[in-house]
Amino acid sequence: MALTIQQKKALRGLAHHLNPVIQIGAKGVTDALMDELNSTLDHHELIKIRINEGDREERKAIIEAVVNATGAELVQSIGKVFVLFRRNPEKKDSDFAQLR
Protein backbone atom coordinates (compact mmCIF):
# COMPACT_ATOMS: atom_id res chain seq x y z
CA MET A 1 0.00 0.00 0.00
CA ALA A 2 1.48 3.32 -1.07
CA LEU A 3 1.62 6.12 1.45
CA THR A 4 -0.36 9.28 0.85
CA ILE A 5 1.27 12.69 0.83
CA GLN A 6 -0.21 13.43 4.26
CA GLN A 7 1.14 10.16 5.66
CA LYS A 8 4.61 10.85 4.28
CA LYS A 9 4.50 14.34 5.79
CA ALA A 10 3.58 12.92 9.20
CA LEU A 11 6.34 10.30 8.96
CA ARG A 12 8.92 12.93 7.98
CA GLY A 13 7.99 14.84 11.13
CA LEU A 14 8.40 11.72 13.26
CA ALA A 15 11.71 10.84 11.60
CA HIS A 16 13.20 14.31 11.99
CA HIS A 17 14.67 13.63 15.44
CA LEU A 18 15.90 10.12 14.59
CA ASN A 19 19.56 9.30 14.15
CA PRO A 20 20.62 6.91 11.37
CA VAL A 21 20.50 3.34 12.72
CA ILE A 22 22.02 1.71 9.62
CA GLN A 23 25.07 2.90 7.71
CA ILE A 24 25.91 1.67 4.24
CA GLY A 25 29.66 1.79 3.62
CA ALA A 26 32.14 0.89 0.93
CA LYS A 27 30.92 -2.71 0.63
CA GLY A 28 27.48 -1.47 -0.39
CA VAL A 29 24.36 -3.62 -0.04
CA THR A 30 25.38 -7.04 1.27
CA ASP A 31 23.31 -9.97 2.52
CA ALA A 32 24.34 -9.21 6.10
CA LEU A 33 23.26 -5.59 5.69
CA MET A 34 19.88 -6.64 4.29
CA ASP A 35 19.32 -9.08 7.17
CA GLU A 36 20.07 -6.33 9.69
CA LEU A 37 17.94 -3.83 7.78
CA ASN A 38 14.93 -6.16 7.67
CA SER A 39 15.29 -6.93 11.37
CA THR A 40 15.52 -3.23 12.22
CA LEU A 41 12.48 -2.39 10.06
CA ASP A 42 10.48 -5.14 11.79
CA HIS A 43 11.35 -3.70 15.18
CA HIS A 44 11.21 0.07 14.55
CA GLU A 45 9.05 0.39 11.39
CA LEU A 46 10.47 3.89 10.70
CA ILE A 47 14.24 4.16 10.29
CA LYS A 48 16.87 6.55 9.02
CA ILE A 49 19.79 5.22 6.97
CA ARG A 50 23.07 6.91 5.97
CA ILE A 51 25.05 6.08 2.83
CA ASN A 52 28.71 6.90 3.39
CA GLU A 53 30.06 6.20 -0.12
CA GLY A 54 29.29 7.12 -3.70
CA ASP A 55 28.03 10.02 -5.74
CA ARG A 56 24.42 11.04 -6.23
CA GLU A 57 23.65 8.42 -8.91
CA GLU A 58 25.24 5.61 -6.89
CA ARG A 59 23.27 6.63 -3.79
CA LYS A 60 20.06 6.74 -5.83
CA ALA A 61 20.73 3.21 -7.11
CA ILE A 62 21.44 1.96 -3.57
CA ILE A 63 18.21 3.51 -2.25
CA GLU A 64 16.22 1.92 -5.07
CA ALA A 65 17.80 -1.48 -4.42
CA VAL A 66 17.09 -1.28 -0.68
CA VAL A 67 13.47 -0.21 -1.21
CA ASN A 68 12.87 -3.03 -3.71
CA ALA A 69 14.53 -5.65 -1.52
CA THR A 70 12.74 -4.69 1.70
CA GLY A 71 9.30 -3.79 0.40
CA ALA A 72 9.49 -0.59 2.44
CA GLU A 73 8.25 2.83 1.43
CA LEU A 74 10.72 5.62 0.81
CA VAL A 75 9.57 8.51 2.98
CA GLN A 76 12.37 10.97 2.32
CA SER A 77 15.84 11.23 0.80
CA ILE A 78 18.12 14.18 1.51
CA GLY A 79 21.78 14.00 0.54
CA LYS A 80 23.35 10.91 2.08
CA VAL A 81 20.44 10.14 4.42
CA PHE A 82 17.12 8.49 3.63
CA VAL A 83 14.11 7.40 5.64
CA LEU A 84 12.20 4.15 5.18
CA PHE A 85 8.88 2.99 6.60
CA ARG A 86 7.44 -0.51 6.64
CA ARG A 87 4.52 -1.55 8.80
CA ASN A 88 4.94 -4.63 10.94
CA PRO A 89 1.55 -6.39 10.94
CA GLU A 90 2.56 -8.40 14.01
CA LYS A 91 2.97 -5.27 16.16
CA LYS A 92 -0.35 -4.62 17.85
CA ASP A 93 0.79 -1.49 19.73
CA SER A 94 2.44 0.24 16.78
CA ASP A 95 3.27 3.93 17.12
CA PHE A 96 2.03 4.31 13.56
CA ALA A 97 -1.52 3.00 14.02
CA GLN A 98 -2.90 6.46 13.27
CA LEU A 99 -1.54 6.21 9.71
CA ARG A 100 -3.90 3.42 8.72
C-alpha atoms as a PDB file:
ATOM      1  CA  MET A   1       0.000   0.000   0.000  1.00  0.00           C
ATOM      2  CA  ALA A   2       1.484   3.321  -1.067  1.00  0.00           C
ATOM      3  CA  LEU A   3       1.624   6.120   1.452  1.00  0.00           C
ATOM      4  CA  THR A   4      -0.364   9.284   0.849  1.00  0.00           C
ATOM      5  CA  ILE A   5       1.274  12.691   0.829  1.00  0.00           C
ATOM      6  CA  GLN A   6      -0.211  13.428   4.257  1.00  0.00           C
ATOM      7  CA  GLN A   7       1.136  10.156   5.664  1.00  0.00           C
ATOM      8  CA  LYS A   8       4.613  10.854   4.285  1.00  0.00           C
ATOM      9  CA  LYS A   9       4.504  14.339   5.794  1.00  0.00           C
ATOM     10  CA  ALA A  10       3.578  12.915   9.198  1.00  0.00           C
ATOM     11  CA  LEU A  11       6.344  10.296   8.957  1.00  0.00           C
ATOM     12  CA  ARG A  12       8.917  12.934   7.981  1.00  0.00           C
ATOM     13  CA  GLY A  13       7.994  14.838  11.125  1.00  0.00           C
ATOM     14  CA  LEU A  14       8.403  11.717  13.265  1.00  0.00           C
ATOM     15  CA  ALA A  15      11.714  10.836  11.599  1.00  0.00           C
ATOM     16  CA  HIS A  16      13.202  14.311  11.994  1.00  0.00           C
ATOM     17  CA  HIS A  17      14.670  13.625  15.442  1.00  0.00           C
ATOM     18  CA  LEU A  18      15.898  10.117  14.594  1.00  0.00           C
ATOM     19  CA  ASN A  19      19.555   9.296  14.150  1.00  0.00           C
ATOM     20  CA  PRO A  20      20.622   6.909  11.369  1.00  0.00           C
ATOM     21  CA  VAL A  21      20.502   3.342  12.721  1.00  0.00           C
ATOM     22  CA  ILE A  22      22.019   1.707   9.622  1.00  0.00           C
ATOM     23  CA  GLN A  23      25.070   2.905   7.710  1.00  0.00           C
ATOM     24  CA  ILE A  24      25.913   1.667   4.241  1.00  0.00           C
ATOM     25  CA  GLY A  25      29.662   1.793   3.622  1.00  0.00           C
ATOM     26  CA  ALA A  26      32.143   0.889   0.927  1.00  0.00           C
ATOM     27  CA  LYS A  27      30.925  -2.712   0.631  1.00  0.00           C
ATOM     28  CA  GLY A  28      27.480  -1.473  -0.388  1.00  0.00           C
ATOM     29  CA  VAL A  29      24.358  -3.615  -0.043  1.00  0.00           C
ATOM     30  CA  THR A  30      25.378  -7.040   1.269  1.00  0.00           C
ATOM     31  CA  ASP A  31      23.307  -9.969   2.518  1.00  0.00           C
ATOM     32  CA  ALA A  32      24.341  -9.206   6.099  1.00  0.00           C
ATOM     33  CA  LEU A  33      23.264  -5.588   5.687  1.00  0.00           C
ATOM     34  CA  MET A  34      19.883  -6.636   4.293  1.00  0.00           C
ATOM     35  CA  ASP A  35      19.323  -9.077   7.169  1.00  0.00           C
ATOM     36  CA  GLU A  36      20.068  -6.333   9.693  1.00  0.00           C
ATOM     37  CA  LEU A  37      17.943  -3.832   7.779  1.00  0.00           C
ATOM     38  CA  ASN A  38      14.928  -6.160   7.666  1.00  0.00           C
ATOM     39  CA  SER A  39      15.293  -6.928  11.365  1.00  0.00           C
ATOM     40  CA  THR A  40      15.525  -3.233  12.218  1.00  0.00           C
ATOM     41  CA  LEU A  41      12.483  -2.392  10.064  1.00  0.00           C
ATOM     42  CA  ASP A  42      10.480  -5.140  11.787  1.00  0.00           C
ATOM     43  CA  HIS A  43      11.350  -3.698  15.178  1.00  0.00           C
ATOM     44  CA  HIS A  44      11.212   0.070  14.553  1.00  0.00           C
ATOM     45  CA  GLU A  45       9.053   0.387  11.394  1.00  0.00           C
ATOM     46  CA  LEU A  46      10.470   3.885  10.704  1.00  0.00           C
ATOM     47  CA  ILE A  47      14.243   4.157  10.289  1.00  0.00           C
ATOM     48  CA  LYS A  48      16.867   6.552   9.023  1.00  0.00           C
ATOM     49  CA  ILE A  49      19.792   5.221   6.967  1.00  0.00           C
ATOM     50  CA  ARG A  50      23.067   6.906   5.968  1.00  0.00           C
ATOM     51  CA  ILE A  51      25.047   6.085   2.829  1.00  0.00           C
ATOM     52  CA  ASN A  52      28.710   6.903   3.388  1.00  0.00           C
ATOM     53  CA  GLU A  53      30.056   6.197  -0.117  1.00  0.00           C
ATOM     54  CA  GLY A  54      29.293   7.124  -3.699  1.00  0.00           C
ATOM     55  CA  ASP A  55      28.035  10.017  -5.742  1.00  0.00           C
ATOM     56  CA  ARG A  56      24.422  11.040  -6.232  1.00  0.00           C
ATOM     57  CA  GLU A  57      23.650   8.423  -8.908  1.00  0.00           C
ATOM     58  CA  GLU A  58      25.245   5.607  -6.893  1.00  0.00           C
ATOM     59  CA  ARG A  59      23.272   6.633  -3.788  1.00  0.00           C
ATOM     60  CA  LYS A  60      20.064   6.745  -5.828  1.00  0.00           C
ATOM     61  CA  ALA A  61      20.729   3.206  -7.108  1.00  0.00           C
ATOM     62  CA  ILE A  62      21.441   1.960  -3.569  1.00  0.00           C
ATOM     63  CA  ILE A  63      18.211   3.507  -2.251  1.00  0.00           C
ATOM     64  CA  GLU A  64      16.216   1.924  -5.073  1.00  0.00           C
ATOM     65  CA  ALA A  65      17.801  -1.484  -4.422  1.00  0.00           C
ATOM     66  CA  VAL A  66      17.090  -1.276  -0.680  1.00  0.00           C
ATOM     67  CA  VAL A  67      13.472  -0.206  -1.210  1.00  0.00           C
ATOM     68  CA  ASN A  68      12.869  -3.025  -3.714  1.00  0.00           C
ATOM     69  CA  ALA A  69      14.534  -5.648  -1.519  1.00  0.00           C
ATOM     70  CA  THR A  70      12.736  -4.688   1.705  1.00  0.00           C
ATOM     71  CA  GLY A  71       9.304  -3.789   0.398  1.00  0.00           C
ATOM     72  CA  ALA A  72       9.492  -0.589   2.441  1.00  0.00           C
ATOM     73  CA  GLU A  73       8.248   2.835   1.426  1.00  0.00           C
ATOM     74  CA  LEU A  74      10.725   5.624   0.811  1.00  0.00           C
ATOM     75  CA  VAL A  75       9.575   8.514   2.982  1.00  0.00           C
ATOM     76  CA  GLN A  76      12.373  10.973   2.315  1.00  0.00           C
ATOM     77  CA  SER A  77      15.837  11.229   0.804  1.00  0.00           C
ATOM     78  CA  ILE A  78      18.118  14.179   1.507  1.00  0.00           C
ATOM     79  CA  GLY A  79      21.778  13.999   0.536  1.00  0.00           C
ATOM     80  CA  LYS A  80      23.353  10.912   2.081  1.00  0.00           C
ATOM     81  CA  VAL A  81      20.443  10.144   4.423  1.00  0.00           C
ATOM     82  CA  PHE A  82      17.122   8.492   3.628  1.00  0.00           C
ATOM     83  CA  VAL A  83      14.107   7.400   5.642  1.00  0.00           C
ATOM     84  CA  LEU A  84      12.201   4.146   5.182  1.00  0.00           C
ATOM     85  CA  PHE A  85       8.882   2.993   6.595  1.00  0.00           C
ATOM     86  CA  ARG A  86       7.442  -0.513   6.640  1.00  0.00           C
ATOM     87  CA  ARG A  87       4.518  -1.547   8.798  1.00  0.00           C
ATOM     88  CA  ASN A  88       4.942  -4.634  10.940  1.00  0.00           C
ATOM     89  CA  PRO A  89       1.547  -6.390  10.937  1.00  0.00           C
ATOM     90  CA  GLU A  90       2.563  -8.398  14.013  1.00  0.00           C
ATOM     91  CA  LYS A  91       2.968  -5.272  16.157  1.00  0.00           C
ATOM     92  CA  LYS A  92      -0.352  -4.618  17.848  1.00  0.00           C
ATOM     93  CA  ASP A  93       0.793  -1.490  19.726  1.00  0.00           C
ATOM     94  CA  SER A  94       2.437   0.242  16.780  1.00  0.00           C
ATOM     95  CA  ASP A  95       3.270   3.927  17.122  1.00  0.00           C
ATOM     96  CA  PHE A  96       2.027   4.305  13.556  1.00  0.00           C
ATOM     97  CA  ALA A  97      -1.525   2.999  14.022  1.00  0.00           C
ATOM     98  CA  GLN A  98      -2.899   6.463  13.271  1.00  0.00           C
ATOM     99  CA  LEU A  99      -1.537   6.207   9.709  1.00  0.00           C
ATOM    100  CA  ARG A 100      -3.904   3.423   8.725  1.00  0.00           C
END
